N, C-alpha and C. Protein backbone atom coordinates (compact mmCIF):
# COMPACT_ATOMS: atom_id res chain seq x y z
N UNK A 1 0.80 -1.27 0.07
CA UNK A 1 0.11 -0.18 -0.01
C UNK A 1 0.96 1.22 -0.11
N UNK A 2 0.74 1.95 -1.00
CA UNK A 2 1.59 3.07 -0.91
C UNK A 2 0.51 4.12 0.24
N UNK A 3 1.44 5.00 0.83
CA UNK A 3 1.20 5.79 1.80
C UNK A 3 0.67 7.07 1.26
N UNK A 4 1.00 7.65 0.24
CA UNK A 4 0.66 8.91 -0.09
C UNK A 4 -0.69 8.32 -0.97
N UNK A 5 -0.99 7.52 -1.48
CA UNK A 5 -1.88 7.23 -2.15
C UNK A 5 -3.14 7.19 -1.13
N UNK A 6 -3.10 6.52 -0.18
CA UNK A 6 -4.06 6.41 1.17
C UNK A 6 -4.19 7.75 1.69
N UNK A 7 -3.30 8.78 1.67
CA UNK A 7 -3.77 10.04 2.12
C UNK A 7 -4.86 10.63 1.51
N UNK A 8 -4.23 10.58 -0.13
CA UNK A 8 -5.09 11.28 -0.84
C UNK A 8 -6.54 10.97 -0.90
N UNK A 9 -6.33 9.78 -0.77
CA UNK A 9 -7.82 8.98 -0.33
C UNK A 9 -8.82 9.72 0.88
N UNK A 10 -8.00 9.89 1.84
CA UNK A 10 -8.59 10.09 2.98
C UNK A 10 -8.86 11.80 2.93
N UNK A 11 -7.97 12.78 2.24
CA UNK A 11 -8.39 13.90 2.17
C UNK A 11 -9.20 14.24 1.10
N UNK A 12 -9.62 13.46 0.10
CA UNK A 12 -10.58 13.70 -0.68
C UNK A 12 -12.07 14.32 -0.23
N UNK A 13 -12.14 13.59 1.33
CA UNK A 13 -13.71 13.87 1.77
C UNK A 13 -13.32 15.60 2.10
N UNK A 14 -12.36 16.17 2.69
CA UNK A 14 -12.22 17.40 2.99
C UNK A 14 -12.10 18.62 1.94
N UNK A 15 -11.77 17.74 0.47
CA UNK A 15 -11.28 18.66 -0.45
C UNK A 15 -13.24 19.05 -0.89
N UNK A 16 -13.84 18.18 -0.96
CA UNK A 16 -15.38 18.21 -1.00
C UNK A 16 -16.00 19.28 -0.20
N UNK A 17 -15.60 19.09 1.25
CA UNK A 17 -16.06 19.72 2.19
C UNK A 17 -15.45 21.60 1.77
N UNK A 18 -14.34 21.25 1.51
CA UNK A 18 -13.80 22.84 0.77
C UNK A 18 -14.74 23.30 0.32
N UNK A 19 -14.70 22.19 -1.29
CA UNK A 19 -15.75 22.67 -2.20
C UNK A 19 -16.88 23.50 -1.78
N UNK A 20 -17.76 22.61 -1.37
CA UNK A 20 -18.96 23.04 -0.77
C UNK A 20 -18.71 24.51 0.26
N UNK A 21 -18.03 24.49 0.96
CA UNK A 21 -17.61 25.87 1.99
C UNK A 21 -17.49 26.93 0.81
N UNK A 22 -16.82 26.96 -0.38
CA UNK A 22 -16.55 27.93 -0.85
C UNK A 22 -17.68 27.98 -1.68
N UNK A 23 -18.37 27.64 -2.31
CA UNK A 23 -19.82 27.58 -2.83
C UNK A 23 -20.91 28.58 -1.77
N UNK A 24 -20.45 27.96 -0.64
CA UNK A 24 -21.89 28.64 0.63
C UNK A 24 -20.78 29.03 1.58
N UNK A 25 -20.06 29.80 1.98
CA UNK A 25 -19.24 30.07 3.08
C UNK A 25 -20.07 30.42 4.43
N UNK A 26 -20.49 29.41 5.38
CA UNK A 26 -21.03 29.56 6.29
C UNK A 26 -20.18 29.74 7.69
N UNK A 27 -18.94 28.96 7.70
CA UNK A 27 -18.03 29.32 8.74
C UNK A 27 -17.07 29.67 8.17
N UNK A 28 -16.73 31.05 9.30
CA UNK A 28 -15.06 31.23 8.39
C UNK A 28 -13.69 30.44 9.15
N UNK A 29 -13.92 29.52 9.88
CA UNK A 29 -13.07 28.72 10.64
C UNK A 29 -12.79 27.19 9.89
N UNK A 30 -13.47 27.03 8.98
CA UNK A 30 -13.86 25.86 8.24
C UNK A 30 -12.50 25.68 7.41
N UNK A 31 -12.26 26.54 6.43
CA UNK A 31 -10.54 26.34 5.95
C UNK A 31 -9.54 25.97 6.82
N UNK A 32 -9.10 26.55 8.45
CA UNK A 32 -8.32 26.46 9.04
C UNK A 32 -8.38 25.33 9.79
N UNK A 33 -9.52 24.46 10.17
CA UNK A 33 -9.70 23.62 10.63
C UNK A 33 -9.25 22.16 9.50
N UNK A 34 -9.99 22.67 8.37
CA UNK A 34 -9.37 21.46 7.37
C UNK A 34 -8.13 21.48 7.47
N UNK A 35 -7.12 22.23 7.01
CA UNK A 35 -5.75 22.54 6.98
C UNK A 35 -4.99 21.92 8.09
N UNK A 36 -5.79 21.91 9.03
CA UNK A 36 -4.95 21.75 10.96
C UNK A 36 -5.55 20.16 10.50
N UNK A 37 -6.25 19.89 10.62
CA UNK A 37 -6.97 18.01 10.40
C UNK A 37 -6.03 17.53 9.02
N UNK A 38 -5.55 17.85 8.25
CA UNK A 38 -5.15 17.33 7.05
C UNK A 38 -3.07 17.32 7.38
N UNK A 39 -2.87 18.33 8.16
CA UNK A 39 -1.34 18.49 8.60
C UNK A 39 -1.36 17.53 9.59
N UNK A 40 -2.25 17.46 10.70
CA UNK A 40 -2.41 16.32 11.83
C UNK A 40 -2.14 14.93 11.18
N UNK A 41 -3.04 14.88 10.44
CA UNK A 41 -3.24 13.25 9.66
C UNK A 41 -1.73 12.92 8.80
N UNK A 42 -1.42 13.71 7.89
CA UNK A 42 -0.39 13.86 7.62
C UNK A 42 1.01 13.42 8.25
N UNK A 43 1.04 14.07 9.78
CA UNK A 43 1.91 13.72 10.28
C UNK A 43 2.05 12.87 11.03
N UNK A 44 0.71 12.24 11.53
CA UNK A 44 0.45 10.97 12.02
C UNK A 44 0.68 9.84 11.01
N UNK A 45 0.28 9.77 9.82
CA UNK A 45 0.49 8.76 9.03
C UNK A 45 2.11 8.72 8.77
N UNK A 46 2.96 9.57 8.56
CA UNK A 46 3.81 9.79 7.93
C UNK A 46 4.86 9.02 9.16
N UNK A 47 4.67 9.69 10.60
CA UNK A 47 5.43 9.22 11.39
C UNK A 47 5.51 7.79 11.46
N UNK A 48 4.02 7.20 11.54
CA UNK A 48 4.05 5.41 11.76
C UNK A 48 4.95 4.81 10.61
N UNK A 49 4.44 5.25 9.47
CA UNK A 49 4.87 4.74 8.38
C UNK A 49 6.52 4.84 8.72
N UNK A 50 7.34 5.87 9.19
CA UNK A 50 8.42 6.04 9.51
C UNK A 50 8.85 5.04 10.34
N UNK A 51 8.13 4.70 11.79
CA UNK A 51 8.41 3.93 12.42
C UNK A 51 8.69 2.14 12.03
N UNK A 52 7.76 2.39 11.46
CA UNK A 52 7.26 0.89 10.95
C UNK A 52 8.41 0.41 10.19
N UNK A 53 8.86 1.34 9.06
CA UNK A 53 10.12 1.26 8.30
C UNK A 53 11.40 0.91 9.28
N UNK A 54 11.77 1.78 10.12
CA UNK A 54 12.93 1.72 10.88
C UNK A 54 12.79 0.69 11.73
N UNK A 55 11.75 0.01 12.52
CA UNK A 55 11.49 -1.11 12.72
C UNK A 55 11.81 -2.61 12.10
N UNK A 56 11.54 -2.39 10.97
CA UNK A 56 11.54 -3.33 9.77
C UNK A 56 13.53 -3.31 9.63
N UNK A 57 13.64 -2.02 9.15
CA UNK A 57 15.15 -2.33 8.91
C UNK A 57 15.97 -2.42 10.17
N UNK A 58 15.75 -2.45 10.89
CA UNK A 58 16.37 -2.47 12.28
C UNK A 58 16.55 -4.44 12.61
N UNK A 59 15.42 -4.72 12.35
CA UNK A 59 15.62 -6.43 12.58
C UNK A 59 16.01 -6.92 11.53
N UNK A 60 15.84 -6.55 10.18
CA UNK A 60 16.56 -6.82 8.90
C UNK A 60 17.97 -6.91 9.32
N UNK A 61 18.40 -5.75 9.55
CA UNK A 61 19.75 -5.61 9.44
C UNK A 61 20.50 -6.56 11.03
N UNK A 62 19.88 -6.72 11.69
CA UNK A 62 20.13 -7.26 13.02
C UNK A 62 19.96 -8.58 12.65
N UNK A 63 19.47 -9.21 11.81
CA UNK A 63 19.46 -10.64 11.60
C UNK A 63 20.37 -10.91 10.49
N UNK A 64 20.73 -9.99 9.44
CA UNK A 64 21.60 -9.84 8.34
C UNK A 64 23.06 -10.16 9.54
N UNK A 65 23.16 -9.11 10.45
CA UNK A 65 24.52 -9.14 10.86
C UNK A 65 24.55 -10.37 11.91
N UNK A 66 23.74 -10.93 12.18
CA UNK A 66 23.59 -11.88 12.91
C UNK A 66 24.21 -13.44 12.42
N UNK A 67 23.81 -13.43 11.23
CA UNK A 67 24.16 -14.59 10.17
C UNK A 67 25.35 -14.54 9.64
N UNK A 68 25.67 -13.39 9.34
CA UNK A 68 27.13 -12.80 8.58
C UNK A 68 27.52 -11.40 9.39
N UNK A 69 28.33 -12.44 10.37
CA UNK A 69 28.74 -10.95 11.62
C UNK A 69 30.00 -10.19 10.68
N UNK A 70 30.83 -10.59 9.81
CA UNK A 70 31.64 -9.58 9.15
C UNK A 70 31.74 -9.27 7.97
N UNK A 71 29.80 -8.97 7.48
CA UNK A 71 29.60 -8.65 6.47
C UNK A 71 30.18 -6.91 5.95
N UNK A 72 29.95 -6.01 6.65
CA UNK A 72 30.31 -4.91 6.70
C UNK A 72 32.24 -4.32 6.49
N UNK A 73 32.58 -5.51 7.05
CA UNK A 73 33.92 -5.30 7.18
C UNK A 73 34.51 -5.66 5.57
N UNK A 74 33.72 -6.79 5.01
CA UNK A 74 34.46 -7.36 3.70
C UNK A 74 33.86 -6.26 2.68
N UNK A 75 32.77 -5.67 2.73
CA UNK A 75 32.27 -4.87 1.55
C UNK A 75 33.22 -3.30 1.84
N UNK A 76 33.88 -2.86 2.75
CA UNK A 76 34.60 -1.43 2.78
C UNK A 76 33.51 -0.73 1.96
N UNK A 77 32.73 -0.28 3.12
CA UNK A 77 32.11 0.95 2.48
C UNK A 77 32.37 2.28 2.98
N UNK A 78 32.94 3.37 2.32
CA UNK A 78 33.21 4.68 2.71
C UNK A 78 32.04 5.48 2.20
N UNK A 79 32.63 6.76 2.73
CA UNK A 79 31.90 8.26 2.27
C UNK A 79 31.13 8.04 1.14
N UNK A 80 32.20 7.98 -0.16
CA UNK A 80 32.14 8.32 -1.08
C UNK A 80 30.64 7.54 -1.55
N UNK A 81 30.67 6.30 -1.01
CA UNK A 81 29.72 5.57 -1.34
C UNK A 81 28.06 6.05 -0.91
N UNK A 82 28.04 6.17 0.28
CA UNK A 82 27.24 7.06 0.95
C UNK A 82 26.78 8.29 0.20
N UNK A 83 27.56 8.88 -0.21
CA UNK A 83 27.54 10.31 -1.38
C UNK A 83 26.52 9.48 -2.44
N UNK A 84 27.14 8.55 -3.11
CA UNK A 84 26.52 8.07 -4.30
C UNK A 84 24.95 7.81 -3.92
N UNK A 85 24.96 6.90 -2.92
CA UNK A 85 23.22 6.68 -2.47
C UNK A 85 22.33 7.61 -2.08
N UNK A 86 22.69 8.92 -1.50
CA UNK A 86 22.24 9.69 -1.44
C UNK A 86 21.46 10.55 -2.51
N UNK A 87 22.78 10.72 -3.67
CA UNK A 87 22.33 11.09 -4.83
C UNK A 87 21.26 10.22 -5.71
N UNK A 88 21.44 8.80 -5.68
CA UNK A 88 20.96 7.99 -6.39
C UNK A 88 19.14 8.28 -5.53
N UNK A 89 18.93 8.34 -4.60
CA UNK A 89 17.79 8.61 -4.16
C UNK A 89 17.04 9.86 -4.57
N UNK A 90 17.87 10.77 -4.11
CA UNK A 90 17.46 12.55 -4.86
C UNK A 90 16.98 12.23 -6.55
N UNK A 91 17.56 11.65 -7.14
CA UNK A 91 17.22 11.19 -8.34
C UNK A 91 16.11 10.36 -8.77
N UNK A 92 16.00 9.30 -8.11
CA UNK A 92 14.69 8.75 -7.88
C UNK A 92 13.34 9.38 -7.43
N UNK A 93 13.58 10.38 -6.50
CA UNK A 93 12.71 11.34 -6.22
C UNK A 93 11.92 12.35 -7.67
N UNK A 94 12.66 12.16 -8.04
CA UNK A 94 12.55 13.25 -9.30
C UNK A 94 10.88 12.84 -10.33
N UNK A 95 11.16 11.01 -10.22
CA UNK A 95 9.61 10.72 -10.60
C UNK A 95 9.32 10.70 -12.29
N UNK A 96 10.62 10.71 -13.25
CA UNK A 96 10.90 10.90 -14.58
C UNK A 96 11.26 9.87 -15.34
N UNK A 97 10.47 9.26 -16.10
CA UNK A 97 10.95 7.89 -16.64
C UNK A 97 12.28 8.25 -17.39
N UNK A 98 12.68 9.02 -17.72
CA UNK A 98 13.92 9.25 -18.34
C UNK A 98 15.24 8.87 -17.39
N UNK A 99 15.11 9.41 -16.33
CA UNK A 99 16.14 9.33 -15.06
C UNK A 99 16.14 7.89 -14.83
N UNK A 100 14.78 7.05 -14.65
CA UNK A 100 15.05 5.68 -14.18
C UNK A 100 15.91 4.94 -15.49
N UNK A 101 15.16 5.40 -16.58
CA UNK A 101 16.04 4.51 -17.44
C UNK A 101 17.48 4.56 -17.62
N UNK A 102 17.94 5.87 -17.19
CA UNK A 102 19.62 6.39 -17.29
C UNK A 102 19.92 5.77 -15.80
N UNK A 103 19.03 5.77 -15.22
CA UNK A 103 19.85 5.04 -13.61
C UNK A 103 19.79 3.71 -13.73
N UNK A 104 18.74 3.01 -14.45
CA UNK A 104 19.26 1.01 -14.30
C UNK A 104 19.91 1.20 -15.52
N UNK A 105 20.44 1.75 -16.75
CA UNK A 105 21.41 1.33 -17.73
C UNK A 105 22.78 1.84 -16.59
N UNK A 106 23.07 2.61 -16.31
CA UNK A 106 24.25 3.30 -15.09
C UNK A 106 24.35 1.87 -14.40
N UNK A 107 23.44 1.72 -13.58
CA UNK A 107 23.56 0.02 -12.44
C UNK A 107 24.21 -0.94 -13.21
N UNK A 108 23.23 -1.09 -14.67
CA UNK A 108 23.40 -2.61 -15.47
C UNK A 108 25.42 -2.22 -15.89
N UNK A 109 25.63 -1.34 -16.08
CA UNK A 109 27.00 -0.77 -16.87
C UNK A 109 28.10 -1.29 -15.41
N UNK A 110 27.26 -1.07 -14.40
CA UNK A 110 28.47 -1.15 -13.04
C UNK A 110 28.60 -2.50 -12.92
N UNK A 111 27.18 -3.26 -12.68
CA UNK A 111 27.51 -4.57 -12.27
C UNK A 111 27.91 -5.30 -13.56
N UNK A 112 27.72 -5.10 -14.45
CA UNK A 112 28.71 -5.67 -15.66
C UNK A 112 29.91 -5.63 -15.48
N UNK A 113 30.51 -4.45 -15.26
CA UNK A 113 32.03 -4.17 -14.89
C UNK A 113 32.30 -5.07 -14.11
N UNK A 114 31.93 -4.74 -12.96
CA UNK A 114 32.27 -5.51 -11.44
C UNK A 114 32.44 -7.13 -12.04
N UNK A 115 31.46 -7.75 -12.51
CA UNK A 115 31.06 -9.13 -12.78
C UNK A 115 32.12 -9.59 -14.02
N UNK A 116 32.04 -8.83 -15.15
CA UNK A 116 33.08 -9.28 -15.94
C UNK A 116 34.44 -8.97 -15.87
N UNK A 117 34.93 -7.82 -15.03
CA UNK A 117 36.18 -7.19 -14.78
C UNK A 117 36.76 -5.80 -15.70
N UNK A 118 37.23 -5.85 -16.37
CA UNK A 118 37.68 -4.34 -17.28
C UNK A 118 37.40 -4.76 -18.51
N UNK A 119 36.86 -3.77 -19.18
CA UNK A 119 36.19 -3.92 -20.27
C UNK A 119 37.69 -4.22 -21.45
């Protein structure tokens, strides 16, 4: 389930209330209450999703490091690797099809280079 899509579905009711209010403004505080309710719902849903994700990652890494205790020392991760991973996250957030294609091709070249050695 996508959190953002679920949140949009829940906000559809508030959108309809806002449209009705715009046609016939009875209460001047309705837009403020709708915005505050929306912010509260977004905060809670995002926080719960973040917390669940952190718990899943914690137990997954705990299991991984229990099974393979020397895993990270064998990988030799440096700050450059973390920088590249953060950059890839930013590119993925663009949600542009061309970026996904370029990223997939680039990752494929890196994997092929790693598997086959030097070209």
